[in-house]
Amino acid sequence: MYAKGWEVRIMESTFPDCKKCGDGVLIPLSDYGREGAPITYKAWVCSNPDCGFNLRIDNGEISVGKAIGQSMK
């Protein structure tokens, strides 16, 4: 598909399979730091809601399986 001389491409991505449940894939999540700098791939979470596997980086430390909740910010 072309639009006014620009090529439009759909990027095909694959995410890693969740090793805990095997049913979902790990979805990357990004955030912003205290100073507003973007933090790419701060966390990875399983797409299977019944699994709940997650991996995140906080202050340079990796935590696995920490409870996930909605931020009140």
PDB file of N, CA and C in Angstrom:
ATOM      1  N   MET A   1       0.849  -1.169   0.000  1.00  0.00           N
ATOM      2  CA  MET A   1       0.000   0.000   0.000  1.00  0.00           C
ATOM      3  C   MET A   1       0.896   1.234   0.000  1.00  0.00           C
ATOM      4  N   TYR A   2       0.568   2.203  -0.833  1.00  0.00           N
ATOM      5  CA  TYR A   2       1.358   3.423  -0.924  1.00  0.00           C
ATOM      6  C   TYR A   2       0.441   4.631  -0.754  1.00  0.00           C
ATOM      7  N   ALA A   3       0.946   5.667  -0.111  1.00  0.00           N
ATOM      8  CA  ALA A   3       0.167   6.886   0.080  1.00  0.00           C
ATOM      9  C   ALA A   3       1.068   8.086  -0.188  1.00  0.00           C
ATOM     10  N   LYS A   4       0.831   8.782  -1.268  1.00  0.00           N
ATOM     11  CA  LYS A   4       1.585   9.980  -1.643  1.00  0.00           C
ATOM     12  C   LYS A   4       3.095   9.765  -1.596  1.00  0.00           C
ATOM     13  N   GLY A   5       3.564   8.677  -2.184  1.00  0.00           N
ATOM     14  CA  GLY A   5       4.994   8.425  -2.274  1.00  0.00           C
ATOM     15  C   GLY A   5       5.610   7.777  -1.046  1.00  0.00           C
ATOM     16  N   TRP A   6       4.863   7.622   0.014  1.00  0.00           N
ATOM     17  CA  TRP A   6       5.382   6.981   1.229  1.00  0.00           C
ATOM     18  C   TRP A   6       4.943   5.529   1.241  1.00  0.00           C
ATOM     19  N   GLU A   7       5.854   4.680   1.566  1.00  0.00           N
ATOM     20  CA  GLU A   7       5.503   3.271   1.679  1.00  0.00           C
ATOM     21  C   GLU A   7       4.983   3.016   3.082  1.00  0.00           C
ATOM     22  N   VAL A   8       3.840   2.389   3.163  1.00  0.00           N
ATOM     23  CA  VAL A   8       3.246   2.068   4.452  1.00  0.00           C
ATOM     24  C   VAL A   8       3.498   0.591   4.715  1.00  0.00           C
ATOM     25  N   ARG A   9       4.167   0.318   5.825  1.00  0.00           N
ATOM     26  CA  ARG A   9       4.479  -1.069   6.170  1.00  0.00           C
ATOM     27  C   ARG A   9       3.852  -1.415   7.505  1.00  0.00           C
ATOM     28  N   ILE A  10       3.440  -2.630   7.617  1.00  0.00           N
ATOM     29  CA  ILE A  10       2.968  -3.147   8.892  1.00  0.00           C
ATOM     30  C   ILE A  10       4.115  -3.974   9.458  1.00  0.00           C
ATOM     31  N   MET A  11       4.581  -3.565  10.635  1.00  0.00           N
ATOM     32  CA  MET A  11       5.682  -4.283  11.267  1.00  0.00           C
ATOM     33  C   MET A  11       5.137  -5.546  11.927  1.00  0.00           C
ATOM     34  N   GLU A  12       5.739  -6.642  11.606  1.00  0.00           N
ATOM     35  CA  GLU A  12       5.323  -7.902  12.200  1.00  0.00           C
ATOM     36  C   GLU A  12       6.261  -8.202  13.366  1.00  0.00           C
ATOM     37  N   SER A  13       5.710  -8.376  14.534  1.00  0.00           N
ATOM     38  CA  SER A  13       6.503  -8.651  15.724  1.00  0.00           C
ATOM     39  C   SER A  13       6.064  -9.967  16.328  1.00  0.00           C
ATOM     40  N   THR A  14       6.981 -10.618  16.946  1.00  0.00           N
ATOM     41  CA  THR A  14       6.633 -11.796  17.714  1.00  0.00           C
ATOM     42  C   THR A  14       7.161 -11.591  19.117  1.00  0.00           C
ATOM     43  N   PHE A  15       6.396 -11.977  20.075  1.00  0.00           N
ATOM     44  CA  PHE A  15       6.782 -11.862  21.468  1.00  0.00           C
ATOM     45  C   PHE A  15       7.133 -13.247  21.978  1.00  0.00           C
ATOM     46  N   PRO A  16       8.006 -13.326  22.993  1.00  0.00           N
ATOM     47  CA  PRO A  16       8.383 -14.640  23.517  1.00  0.00           C
ATOM     48  C   PRO A  16       7.215 -15.320  24.226  1.00  0.00           C
ATOM     49  N   ASP A  17       7.165 -16.631  24.097  1.00  0.00           N
ATOM     50  CA  ASP A  17       6.148 -17.412  24.809  1.00  0.00           C
ATOM     51  C   ASP A  17       6.405 -17.330  26.308  1.00  0.00           C
ATOM     52  N   CYS A  18       5.338 -17.356  27.078  1.00  0.00           N
ATOM     53  CA  CYS A  18       5.463 -17.379  28.529  1.00  0.00           C
ATOM     54  C   CYS A  18       5.936 -18.769  28.938  1.00  0.00           C
ATOM     55  N   LYS A  19       7.034 -18.836  29.648  1.00  0.00           N
ATOM     56  CA  LYS A  19       7.585 -20.127  30.073  1.00  0.00           C
ATOM     57  C   LYS A  19       6.845 -20.686  31.289  1.00  0.00           C
ATOM     58  N   LYS A  20       6.069 -19.842  31.970  1.00  0.00           N
ATOM     59  CA  LYS A  20       5.329 -20.323  33.138  1.00  0.00           C
ATOM     60  C   LYS A  20       4.079 -21.102  32.733  1.00  0.00           C
ATOM     61  N   CYS A  21       3.241 -20.492  31.869  1.00  0.00           N
ATOM     62  CA  CYS A  21       1.977 -21.142  31.521  1.00  0.00           C
ATOM     63  C   CYS A  21       1.996 -21.784  30.136  1.00  0.00           C
ATOM     64  N   GLY A  22       2.812 -21.267  29.228  1.00  0.00           N
ATOM     65  CA  GLY A  22       2.873 -21.811  27.879  1.00  0.00           C
ATOM     66  C   GLY A  22       1.712 -21.413  26.994  1.00  0.00           C
ATOM     67  N   ASP A  23       0.700 -20.734  27.553  1.00  0.00           N
ATOM     68  CA  ASP A  23      -0.467 -20.327  26.772  1.00  0.00           C
ATOM     69  C   ASP A  23      -0.371 -18.889  26.284  1.00  0.00           C
ATOM     70  N   GLY A  24       0.247 -18.020  27.072  1.00  0.00           N
ATOM     71  CA  GLY A  24       0.339 -16.610  26.730  1.00  0.00           C
ATOM     72  C   GLY A  24       1.690 -16.252  26.145  1.00  0.00           C
ATOM     73  N   VAL A  25       1.819 -14.989  25.779  1.00  0.00           N
ATOM     74  CA  VAL A  25       3.093 -14.440  25.330  1.00  0.00           C
ATOM     75  C   VAL A  25       3.460 -13.298  26.269  1.00  0.00           C
ATOM     76  N   LEU A  26       4.751 -12.999  26.366  1.00  0.00           N
ATOM     77  CA  LEU A  26       5.194 -11.907  27.217  1.00  0.00           C
ATOM     78  C   LEU A  26       5.107 -10.596  26.443  1.00  0.00           C
ATOM     79  N   ILE A  27       4.366  -9.654  27.011  1.00  0.00           N
ATOM     80  CA  ILE A  27       4.132  -8.354  26.402  1.00  0.00           C
ATOM     81  C   ILE A  27       5.006  -7.319  27.110  1.00  0.00           C
ATOM     82  N   PRO A  28       5.803  -6.540  26.354  1.00  0.00           N
ATOM     83  CA  PRO A  28       6.644  -5.529  26.994  1.00  0.00           C
ATOM     84  C   PRO A  28       5.848  -4.275  27.345  1.00  0.00           C
ATOM     85  N   LEU A  29       6.144  -3.700  28.505  1.00  0.00           N
ATOM     86  CA  LEU A  29       5.520  -2.456  28.937  1.00  0.00           C
ATOM     87  C   LEU A  29       6.611  -1.431  29.206  1.00  0.00           C
ATOM     88  N   SER A  30       6.329  -0.186  28.911  1.00  0.00           N
ATOM     89  CA  SER A  30       7.278   0.894  29.132  1.00  0.00           C
ATOM     90  C   SER A  30       6.696   1.879  30.132  1.00  0.00           C
ATOM     91  N   ASP A  31       7.545   2.767  30.652  1.00  0.00           N
ATOM     92  CA  ASP A  31       7.120   3.726  31.660  1.00  0.00           C
ATOM     93  C   ASP A  31       7.978   4.971  31.517  1.00  0.00           C
ATOM     94  N   TYR A  32       7.772   5.919  32.405  1.00  0.00           N
ATOM     95  CA  TYR A  32       8.588   7.124  32.456  1.00  0.00           C
ATOM     96  C   TYR A  32       9.239   7.209  33.830  1.00  0.00           C
ATOM     97  N   GLY A  33      10.497   7.649  33.867  1.00  0.00           N
ATOM     98  CA  GLY A  33      11.213   7.811  35.122  1.00  0.00           C
ATOM     99  C   GLY A  33      10.788   9.073  35.849  1.00  0.00           C
ATOM    100  N   ARG A  34      11.393   9.306  37.006  1.00  0.00           N
ATOM    101  CA  ARG A  34      11.050  10.468  37.833  1.00  0.00           C
ATOM    102  C   ARG A  34      11.281  11.791  37.114  1.00  0.00           C
ATOM    103  N   GLU A  35      12.297  11.822  36.277  1.00  0.00           N
ATOM    104  CA  GLU A  35      12.622  13.044  35.533  1.00  0.00           C
ATOM    105  C   GLU A  35      11.919  13.108  34.181  1.00  0.00           C
ATOM    106  N   GLY A  36      11.067  12.154  33.904  1.00  0.00           N
ATOM    107  CA  GLY A  36      10.310  12.153  32.657  1.00  0.00           C
ATOM    108  C   GLY A  36      10.977  11.419  31.504  1.00  0.00           C
ATOM    109  N   ALA A  37      12.139  10.818  31.756  1.00  0.00           N
ATOM    110  CA  ALA A  37      12.825  10.072  30.700  1.00  0.00           C
ATOM    111  C   ALA A  37      12.108   8.744  30.465  1.00  0.00           C
ATOM    112  N   PRO A  38      11.957   8.350  29.206  1.00  0.00           N
ATOM    113  CA  PRO A  38      11.282   7.080  28.929  1.00  0.00           C
ATOM    114  C   PRO A  38      12.122   5.888  29.379  1.00  0.00           C
ATOM    115  N   ILE A  39      11.465   4.889  29.942  1.00  0.00           N
ATOM    116  CA  ILE A  39      12.100   3.634  30.325  1.00  0.00           C
ATOM    117  C   ILE A  39      11.452   2.556  29.460  1.00  0.00           C
ATOM    118  N   THR A  40      12.170   2.158  28.413  1.00  0.00           N
ATOM    119  CA  THR A  40      11.647   1.173  27.478  1.00  0.00           C
ATOM    120  C   THR A  40      11.761  -0.222  28.078  1.00  0.00           C
ATOM    121  N   TYR A  41      10.702  -0.981  27.963  1.00  0.00           N
ATOM    122  CA  TYR A  41      10.643  -2.357  28.455  1.00  0.00           C
ATOM    123  C   TYR A  41      10.962  -2.448  29.945  1.00  0.00           C
ATOM    124  N   LYS A  42      10.282  -1.652  30.730  1.00  0.00           N
ATOM    125  CA  LYS A  42      10.444  -1.698  32.190  1.00  0.00           C
ATOM    126  C   LYS A  42       9.891  -3.001  32.755  1.00  0.00           C
ATOM    127  N   ALA A  43       8.877  -3.529  32.115  1.00  0.00           N
ATOM    128  CA  ALA A  43       8.245  -4.758  32.609  1.00  0.00           C
ATOM    129  C   ALA A  43       7.810  -5.622  31.440  1.00  0.00           C
ATOM    130  N   TRP A  44       7.700  -6.909  31.715  1.00  0.00           N
ATOM    131  CA  TRP A  44       7.131  -7.870  30.770  1.00  0.00           C
ATOM    132  C   TRP A  44       6.046  -8.622  31.533  1.00  0.00           C
ATOM    133  N   VAL A  45       4.861  -8.728  30.937  1.00  0.00           N
ATOM    134  CA  VAL A  45       3.756  -9.430  31.586  1.00  0.00           C
ATOM    135  C   VAL A  45       3.161 -10.449  30.629  1.00  0.00           C
ATOM    136  N   CYS A  46       2.636 -11.525  31.196  1.00  0.00           N
ATOM    137  CA  CYS A  46       2.006 -12.564  30.390  1.00  0.00           C
ATOM    138  C   CYS A  46       0.640 -12.073  29.916  1.00  0.00           C
ATOM    139  N   SER A  47       0.332 -12.361  28.660  1.00  0.00           N
ATOM    140  CA  SER A  47      -0.954 -11.957  28.083  1.00  0.00           C
ATOM    141  C   SER A  47      -2.113 -12.818  28.584  1.00  0.00           C
ATOM    142  N   ASN A  48      -1.815 -13.936  29.223  1.00  0.00           N
ATOM    143  CA  ASN A  48      -2.846 -14.821  29.764  1.00  0.00           C
ATOM    144  C   ASN A  48      -3.227 -14.314  31.163  1.00  0.00           C
ATOM    145  N   PRO A  49      -4.432 -13.765  31.342  1.00  0.00           N
ATOM    146  CA  PRO A  49      -4.806 -13.201  32.641  1.00  0.00           C
ATOM    147  C   PRO A  49      -4.830 -14.220  33.775  1.00  0.00           C
ATOM    148  N   ASP A  50      -5.015 -15.496  33.459  1.00  0.00           N
ATOM    149  CA  ASP A  50      -5.012 -16.525  34.504  1.00  0.00           C
ATOM    150  C   ASP A  50      -3.605 -16.845  34.993  1.00  0.00           C
ATOM    151  N   CYS A  51      -2.586 -16.503  34.221  1.00  0.00           N
ATOM    152  CA  CYS A  51      -1.204 -16.816  34.571  1.00  0.00           C
ATOM    153  C   CYS A  51      -0.644 -15.805  35.571  1.00  0.00           C
ATOM    154  N   GLY A  52      -0.645 -14.544  35.180  1.00  0.00           N
ATOM    155  CA  GLY A  52      -0.154 -13.496  36.071  1.00  0.00           C
ATOM    156  C   GLY A  52       1.352 -13.342  36.151  1.00  0.00           C
ATOM    157  N   PHE A  53       2.127 -14.080  35.342  1.00  0.00           N
ATOM    158  CA  PHE A  53       3.583 -13.942  35.394  1.00  0.00           C
ATOM    159  C   PHE A  53       3.986 -12.531  34.989  1.00  0.00           C
ATOM    160  N   ASN A  54       4.949 -11.971  35.708  1.00  0.00           N
ATOM    161  CA  ASN A  54       5.487 -10.661  35.352  1.00  0.00           C
ATOM    162  C   ASN A  54       6.935 -10.554  35.785  1.00  0.00           C
ATOM    163  N   LEU A  55       7.652  -9.710  35.099  1.00  0.00           N
ATOM    164  CA  LEU A  55       9.058  -9.460  35.349  1.00  0.00           C
ATOM    165  C   LEU A  55       9.247  -7.965  35.204  1.00  0.00           C
ATOM    166  N   ARG A  56       9.839  -7.303  36.223  1.00  0.00           N
ATOM    167  CA  ARG A  56      10.020  -5.854  36.115  1.00  0.00           C
ATOM    168  C   ARG A  56      11.361  -5.406  36.666  1.00  0.00           C
ATOM    169  N   ILE A  57      11.746  -4.220  36.243  1.00  0.00           N
ATOM    170  CA  ILE A  57      12.986  -3.612  36.701  1.00  0.00           C
ATOM    171  C   ILE A  57      12.613  -2.374  37.501  1.00  0.00           C
ATOM    172  N   ASP A  58      13.031  -2.319  38.759  1.00  0.00           N
ATOM    173  CA  ASP A  58      12.814  -1.163  39.624  1.00  0.00           C
ATOM    174  C   ASP A  58      14.132  -0.763  40.251  1.00  0.00           C
ATOM    175  N   ASN A  59      14.552   0.460  39.976  1.00  0.00           N
ATOM    176  CA  ASN A  59      15.810   0.971  40.527  1.00  0.00           C
ATOM    177  C   ASN A  59      16.978   0.023  40.277  1.00  0.00           C
ATOM    178  N   GLY A  60      17.021  -0.557  39.096  1.00  0.00           N
ATOM    179  CA  GLY A  60      18.113  -1.438  38.715  1.00  0.00           C
ATOM    180  C   GLY A  60      18.007  -2.858  39.223  1.00  0.00           C
ATOM    181  N   GLU A  61      16.966  -3.178  39.972  1.00  0.00           N
ATOM    182  CA  GLU A  61      16.780  -4.536  40.484  1.00  0.00           C
ATOM    183  C   GLU A  61      15.650  -5.219  39.725  1.00  0.00           C
ATOM    184  N   ILE A  62      15.849  -6.497  39.443  1.00  0.00           N
ATOM    185  CA  ILE A  62      14.848  -7.281  38.722  1.00  0.00           C
ATOM    186  C   ILE A  62      13.976  -8.010  39.735  1.00  0.00           C
ATOM    187  N   SER A  63      12.660  -7.870  39.590  1.00  0.00           N
ATOM    188  CA  SER A  63      11.753  -8.614  40.455  1.00  0.00           C
ATOM    189  C   SER A  63      10.843  -9.474  39.582  1.00  0.00           C
ATOM    190  N   VAL A  64      10.599 -10.679  40.046  1.00  0.00           N
ATOM    191  CA  VAL A  64       9.781 -11.637  39.308  1.00  0.00           C
ATOM    192  C   VAL A  64       8.575 -12.005  40.146  1.00  0.00           C
ATOM    193  N   GLY A  65       7.401 -11.946  39.524  1.00  0.00           N
ATOM    194  CA  GLY A  65       6.183 -12.407  40.174  1.00  0.00           C
ATOM    195  C   GLY A  65       5.607 -11.466  41.217  1.00  0.00           C
ATOM    196  N   LYS A  66       6.093 -10.237  41.288  1.00  0.00           N
ATOM    197  CA  LYS A  66       5.563  -9.268  42.254  1.00  0.00           C
ATOM    198  C   LYS A  66       4.107  -8.969  41.884  1.00  0.00           C
ATOM    199  N   ALA A  67       3.252  -8.809  42.893  1.00  0.00           N
ATOM    200  CA  ALA A  67       1.835  -8.530  42.643  1.00  0.00           C
ATOM    201  C   ALA A  67       1.685  -7.266  41.794  1.00  0.00           C
ATOM    202  N   ILE A  68       0.811  -7.333  40.822  1.00  0.00           N
ATOM    203  CA  ILE A  68       0.561  -6.190  39.945  1.00  0.00           C
ATOM    204  C   ILE A  68      -0.735  -5.554  40.331  1.00  0.00           C
ATOM    205  N   GLY A  69      -0.726  -4.243  40.451  1.00  0.00           N
ATOM    206  CA  GLY A  69      -1.946  -3.504  40.765  1.00  0.00           C
ATOM    207  C   GLY A  69      -2.034  -2.271  39.910  1.00  0.00           C
ATOM    208  N   GLN A  70      -3.169  -1.637  39.935  1.00  0.00           N
ATOM    209  CA  GLN A  70      -3.379  -0.420  39.168  1.00  0.00           C
ATOM    210  C   GLN A  70      -2.794   0.766  39.931  1.00  0.00           C
ATOM    211  N   SER A  71      -2.074   1.609  39.207  1.00  0.00           N
ATOM    212  CA  SER A  71      -1.462   2.791  39.818  1.00  0.00           C
ATOM    213  C   SER A  71      -2.532   3.856  40.080  1.00  0.00           C
ATOM    214  N   MET A  72      -2.398   4.542  41.172  1.00  0.00           N
ATOM    215  CA  MET A  72      -3.348   5.608  41.490  1.00  0.00           C
ATOM    216  C   MET A  72      -2.852   6.973  41.001  1.00  0.00           C
ATOM    217  N   LYS A  73      -1.797   6.986  40.223  1.00  0.00           N
ATOM    218  CA  LYS A  73      -1.240   8.246  39.701  1.00  0.00           C
ATOM    219  C   LYS A  73      -2.056   8.751  38.555  1.00  0.00           C
TER     220      LYS A  73
END
